[in-house]
Amino acid sequence: MISECRCILGFLFTLQSNHIKLSLVSLQESLNQKQAEYTEDELFFHTENKNGRIFLETTPEEYLILSDPIHTDDHQKIIQALCRHIGYCNAHSLNAGHPYGAMLDVADLRKNHLDTYAYFFTKVITKPKNHPYHLKPAGTYAVAYLMGNYYDSKDTYEKLFDWIDKHKFKTGKYSYKEAVIDELATASPSEYLTKISIQVF
C-alpha cells in the first residue's frame, strides 16, 4: 500500500511539473490551448447529455507509449505495471502533459472482464523512436463518457456495446479509457470524468 501511494503521488507530482513546463514553452502553450478547448467541448457535451448518449467521433491517428503487457485483473500487478510505465515515461521525458490512459481488450470486455487491463499508455505528440508504442488508428470511434469512479464502468460499457450491436458495427481490438477530469482537477471521485472509445467499422 505504501509503495502504491508513493507511485501515485509521484505520478501526480510529475504530471503537475509537466503542466508547469508546458506553460513555459510557446509551442506547448498552443497545444495546451487546443487541448483545453477540446476538454471544454467534452464538458459541454456531457453537461448537455445527462443520459450518457453514445456518439461517433472521427479522430486522427495517435501515438501511445505502452506499458509492459498486463492482461490481468490482479490489482497488485496492475499497480506495478502502472508504476513501471510512469517511471519509464518520466526517465525518458515522454510525458507531453496528458494523463495516462488504459487499453482494454474488447474480447475481455465482452466477457464482462472489466478489470482486465491490457496496457497503460501515455499519449505523445510525435512518433516515438526506440520506445515501445501503439499507433491508435485514425478512424471512427464510438464514444461514451463515464461520470464518477474510473473503475465503475459496467453500466457505461453495457450501454456502449448495446449501442454498437444495435447499429451492427464491428469493432477494433481495444477500448481506450482516458481521463478528462481526474485527481488534478477535483478531490471528489464522483466528479471524475472518463472518456471511453472503441473503433467501429
Protein backbone atom coordinates (compact mmCIF):
# COMPACT_ATOMS: atom_id res chain seq x y z
CA MET A 1 0.00 0.00 0.00
CA ILE A 2 2.82 2.42 0.88
CA SER A 3 4.67 1.76 -2.38
CA GLU A 4 1.39 2.14 -4.29
CA CYS A 5 0.73 5.52 -2.69
CA ARG A 6 4.28 6.67 -3.40
CA CYS A 7 3.89 5.66 -7.03
CA ILE A 8 0.60 7.53 -7.48
CA LEU A 9 1.80 10.59 -5.58
CA GLY A 10 4.97 10.60 -7.65
CA PHE A 11 2.90 10.47 -10.81
CA LEU A 12 0.68 13.36 -9.71
CA PHE A 13 3.72 15.46 -8.78
CA THR A 14 5.38 14.72 -12.11
CA LEU A 15 2.22 15.49 -14.05
CA GLN A 16 1.87 18.81 -12.24
CA SER A 17 5.50 19.60 -13.02
CA ASN A 18 4.93 18.79 -16.67
CA HIS A 19 1.95 21.13 -16.80
CA ILE A 20 4.17 23.91 -15.45
CA LYS A 21 6.87 23.18 -18.00
CA LEU A 22 4.34 23.17 -20.81
CA SER A 23 3.17 26.64 -19.84
CA LEU A 24 6.71 27.95 -20.30
CA VAL A 25 7.10 26.82 -23.89
CA SER A 26 5.24 28.74 -26.58
CA LEU A 27 4.62 25.77 -28.85
CA GLN A 28 3.32 23.71 -25.97
CA GLU A 29 1.17 26.64 -24.90
CA SER A 30 -0.56 26.41 -28.26
CA LEU A 31 -1.03 22.68 -27.89
CA ASN A 32 -2.37 23.12 -24.37
CA GLN A 33 -4.87 25.70 -25.62
CA LYS A 34 -6.17 23.25 -28.21
CA GLN A 35 -6.41 20.54 -25.57
CA ALA A 36 -8.20 22.91 -23.19
CA GLU A 37 -10.71 23.86 -25.89
CA TYR A 38 -11.30 20.18 -26.63
CA THR A 39 -11.83 19.45 -22.93
CA GLU A 40 -14.32 22.32 -22.71
CA ASP A 41 -16.21 20.82 -25.64
CA GLU A 42 -16.24 17.46 -23.87
CA LEU A 43 -17.54 19.00 -20.64
CA PHE A 44 -20.25 20.90 -22.53
CA PHE A 45 -21.25 17.72 -24.33
CA HIS A 46 -21.50 15.80 -21.08
CA THR A 47 -23.48 18.58 -19.40
CA GLU A 48 -25.94 18.71 -22.27
CA ASN A 49 -26.30 14.92 -22.39
CA LYS A 50 -27.00 13.79 -18.83
CA ASN A 51 -28.25 10.40 -20.00
CA GLY A 52 -24.82 9.47 -21.36
CA ARG A 53 -25.65 9.49 -25.06
CA ILE A 54 -23.31 7.44 -27.25
CA PHE A 55 -21.92 9.22 -30.29
CA LEU A 56 -19.48 8.74 -33.16
CA GLU A 57 -16.23 10.67 -33.36
CA THR A 58 -13.67 10.77 -36.17
CA THR A 59 -10.11 11.08 -34.90
CA PRO A 60 -6.61 11.19 -36.44
CA GLU A 61 -4.01 8.57 -35.60
CA GLU A 62 -2.28 8.97 -32.25
CA TYR A 63 1.00 7.72 -30.79
CA LEU A 64 0.73 5.95 -27.43
CA ILE A 65 3.73 4.90 -25.35
CA LEU A 66 2.82 1.50 -23.90
CA SER A 67 3.43 -0.14 -20.56
CA ASP A 68 4.52 -3.74 -20.28
CA PRO A 69 1.68 -6.10 -21.27
CA ILE A 70 -0.68 -6.60 -18.33
CA HIS A 71 -3.60 -8.88 -19.32
CA THR A 72 -4.67 -9.47 -15.73
CA ASP A 73 -7.18 -8.19 -13.18
CA ASP A 74 -4.71 -8.64 -10.30
CA HIS A 75 -4.69 -5.22 -8.62
CA GLN A 76 -1.13 -5.52 -7.34
CA LYS A 77 0.24 -6.44 -10.76
CA ILE A 78 -1.76 -3.64 -12.37
CA ILE A 79 -0.32 -1.06 -9.96
CA GLN A 80 3.20 -2.40 -10.50
CA ALA A 81 2.78 -2.13 -14.28
CA LEU A 82 1.48 1.42 -13.89
CA CYS A 83 4.42 2.42 -11.70
CA ARG A 84 6.93 0.96 -14.14
CA HIS A 85 5.20 2.74 -17.01
CA ILE A 86 5.19 6.09 -15.22
CA GLY A 87 8.83 5.65 -14.27
CA TYR A 88 9.80 4.79 -17.84
CA CYS A 89 8.00 7.80 -19.30
CA ASN A 90 9.49 10.12 -16.70
CA ALA A 91 13.01 8.77 -17.24
CA HIS A 92 12.75 9.35 -20.99
CA SER A 93 10.81 12.64 -20.85
CA LEU A 94 7.94 11.11 -22.77
CA ASN A 95 5.07 12.80 -20.97
CA ALA A 96 3.53 15.52 -23.13
CA GLY A 97 1.18 16.74 -20.42
CA HIS A 98 -1.58 14.18 -20.97
CA PRO A 99 -2.81 11.96 -18.11
CA TYR A 100 -2.13 8.29 -18.60
CA GLY A 101 -4.84 6.07 -20.05
CA ALA A 102 -5.62 2.39 -20.30
CA MET A 103 -6.29 -0.06 -23.11
CA LEU A 104 -8.65 -2.97 -22.52
CA ASP A 105 -9.21 -5.86 -24.92
CA VAL A 106 -12.71 -5.75 -26.38
CA ALA A 107 -12.91 -9.55 -26.26
CA ASP A 108 -12.32 -9.44 -22.48
CA LEU A 109 -14.87 -6.67 -22.05
CA ARG A 110 -17.44 -8.69 -23.98
CA LYS A 111 -16.95 -11.42 -21.37
CA ASN A 112 -17.56 -8.85 -18.63
CA HIS A 113 -13.90 -8.85 -17.56
CA LEU A 114 -13.98 -5.12 -16.91
CA ASP A 115 -10.91 -5.06 -14.68
CA THR A 116 -8.60 -6.98 -17.01
CA TYR A 117 -6.21 -4.38 -18.37
CA ALA A 118 -4.12 -4.94 -21.49
CA TYR A 119 -1.80 -1.90 -21.30
CA PHE A 120 -1.43 1.53 -19.80
CA PHE A 121 -0.45 4.26 -22.20
CA THR A 122 0.81 7.81 -22.33
CA LYS A 123 -0.05 9.91 -25.36
CA VAL A 124 2.82 11.72 -27.13
CA ILE A 125 2.80 14.22 -29.96
CA THR A 126 5.35 12.81 -32.39
CA LYS A 127 6.23 9.28 -33.48
CA PRO A 128 8.47 7.75 -30.78
CA LYS A 129 11.93 6.47 -31.65
CA ASN A 130 13.32 3.44 -29.82
CA HIS A 131 10.37 3.25 -27.45
CA PRO A 132 7.51 0.73 -27.33
CA TYR A 133 4.42 2.39 -28.73
CA HIS A 134 1.00 1.67 -30.15
CA LEU A 135 -0.42 3.51 -33.13
CA LYS A 136 -4.03 4.26 -32.28
CA PRO A 137 -5.62 4.07 -35.72
CA ALA A 138 -7.27 7.03 -37.37
CA GLY A 139 -10.93 6.40 -37.97
CA THR A 140 -14.39 6.44 -36.45
CA TYR A 141 -14.89 5.67 -32.77
CA ALA A 142 -17.99 5.04 -30.69
CA VAL A 143 -17.59 7.22 -27.60
CA ALA A 144 -19.20 7.30 -24.17
CA TYR A 145 -18.40 9.28 -21.04
CA LEU A 146 -18.20 7.82 -17.55
CA MET A 147 -19.02 10.24 -14.73
CA GLY A 148 -17.68 9.16 -11.35
CA ASN A 149 -15.25 6.49 -10.25
CA TYR A 150 -12.96 5.41 -13.09
CA TYR A 151 -13.41 1.74 -12.20
CA ASP A 152 -17.23 1.72 -12.06
CA SER A 153 -17.56 1.22 -15.79
CA LYS A 154 -20.00 -1.71 -16.02
CA ASP A 155 -23.12 0.31 -16.92
CA THR A 156 -21.22 2.52 -19.36
CA TYR A 157 -19.73 -0.44 -21.23
CA GLU A 158 -23.10 -2.20 -21.34
CA LYS A 159 -24.70 0.85 -22.94
CA LEU A 160 -21.78 1.27 -25.32
CA PHE A 161 -21.82 -2.34 -26.54
CA ASP A 162 -25.63 -2.36 -26.79
CA TRP A 163 -25.41 0.72 -29.00
CA ILE A 164 -22.63 -0.79 -31.14
CA ASP A 165 -24.56 -4.04 -31.60
CA LYS A 166 -27.81 -2.22 -32.34
CA HIS A 167 -26.11 -0.35 -35.19
CA LYS A 168 -24.42 -3.55 -36.40
CA PHE A 169 -20.89 -2.19 -36.16
CA LYS A 170 -17.75 -4.29 -35.98
CA THR A 171 -15.13 -3.12 -33.52
CA GLY A 172 -11.39 -2.68 -33.25
CA LYS A 173 -9.35 -4.76 -30.83
CA TYR A 174 -9.13 -2.29 -27.95
CA SER A 175 -11.16 0.08 -25.84
CA TYR A 176 -9.35 3.26 -24.79
CA LYS A 177 -10.05 4.88 -21.40
CA GLU A 178 -8.77 8.43 -20.96
CA ALA A 179 -9.20 10.84 -18.05
CA VAL A 180 -10.86 14.18 -18.79
CA ILE A 181 -11.29 15.23 -15.16
CA ASP A 182 -9.07 13.42 -12.67
CA GLU A 183 -7.29 13.87 -9.32
CA LEU A 184 -5.58 17.05 -10.50
CA ALA A 185 -8.88 18.78 -11.20
CA THR A 186 -11.08 17.66 -8.30
CA ALA A 187 -10.77 15.97 -4.92
CA SER A 188 -14.13 14.22 -5.36
CA PRO A 189 -14.14 10.89 -7.25
CA SER A 190 -17.82 11.47 -8.02
CA GLU A 191 -16.74 14.35 -10.27
CA TYR A 192 -14.21 12.37 -12.28
CA LEU A 193 -14.96 12.23 -15.99
CA THR A 194 -13.55 9.48 -18.21
CA LYS A 195 -13.76 9.16 -21.98
CA ILE A 196 -14.23 5.63 -23.30
CA SER A 197 -13.82 4.96 -27.01
CA ILE A 198 -13.85 1.93 -29.30
CA GLN A 199 -13.08 1.99 -33.01
CA VAL A 200 -16.02 0.88 -35.16
CA PHE A 201 -16.39 -0.10 -38.81
